[in-house]
Amino acid sequence: MSASFALSLQDLAPIAQGSSTTDAMAETVKLAQAADDYGYHRLWYAEHHGMPSIASSVPEILIGSAVAATKGLRVGSGGVMLLNHAPLRIAEAYRTLEALHPGRIDLGLGRAPGGDGYAMRALRSGGGEEFSQYLAELMAFDEDNFPPDHPYSRVPVSPGGIRLPPKWLLGSSGASAQAAGQIGFGYAFAAHFSHTPAAPAFAAYREAFVPSEDFAEPKTILCLSVIAAPTEEEAAFLATSQAVNWALFVTGEQRNLMPPEAATQRMKSLTPQQQQVISHQGSLWMVGSAERMAEEITAKAEEAGADEVMITTTIHSYELRRRSFELLGQALGVTPRG
């Protein structure tokens, strides 16, 4: 099979039970190098806070580390949770990355907090209604077009002489899609955790699209959760880690990602509420042999009208997670770089 869409991946930098944070950080580089060799198009890191099982709290540091260790892979944020940051700070960070690695950085932006209410308070995060203001400020800093009487018009963005990398808006609704189109951003739809169909959002995005410096035409990414293995049985076994970890997280019991053997045992003692969590969210998880996953990914991409598919994979073993990405790349006919 040869896919008609680009294939990319998202890394949450999971901290597996029995591994250290240092191990998880080293794995981000190993996975980036493997994805580069496998022929993946881009790699994004998602900003999360207050979650013991996830180490991707500062995407720009992971981006800098990964892009320096790879050759052709685009690397970016998927996304920066803009309400957690002063827009000037994001403009400075991503201009710096673009200056260091021109043409290989992406700036994906989201409005979710990336953590619970306690983390939001600790971050001094803005409210959701302020997102449009934060975004307008970020763009004004980048384009140097604050009105002359605006106090920020006297603030030069450092480093100067360079613009932000291509900007993407992350979302899971028609409203966010329309907004992305109106400002000429790329648009990534979070089908890995949203039950809302992607096709209507992509249609709204394309209908509203206005060409920009970054995008002469609309560009869409469909984000999917996929676990692939050589057999259906192994994939289902590996997926128990994700299922139990998600059920425990949603019901307030946070811990590092447990191995499938322990997750299988823990599955037997889950509460009815936790079982319902898995039943509801599990319908979005794609689990199976690489060949069947390639067929289902292709069908979902074609149904949504996606230009690109971005895969996120939750497996306890770092080695088997890399294997899942390798198998998917091979099954979808991606040309290796390595």
Foldseek 3Di string as FASTA:
>chain_A
DAFLFAEAAEDQLFAFPVHDSVVSLVLLQVLLALCQQLQHAEYAYEAAPDFAGGDRNDGLVSQLSNVVSHDHYAYEHPAAQLQLDQLLVVFQSQQVVCVVPPPRYEYEYENDPRYDPVVCVVSVGDDSVCVVVRVVVNVCQQVLDDPPPDPCNPPHRPPPPTGGAAYEYEDADLVSLLVCQQVAHEYEHALQFDPRQQQVSPVNNQVNHDHDPNGNHYAYEYEAEEAADQFQVVQVLQCLQVLQQQLCVVVPNGDHRYASVVSVVVVVVDDPSSVVRCVVSVVRHHTGHLLVVLVVVSVSCVVNVHNYYYYYYDGSDSVSVSVRVSSNSVNNVRDGPD
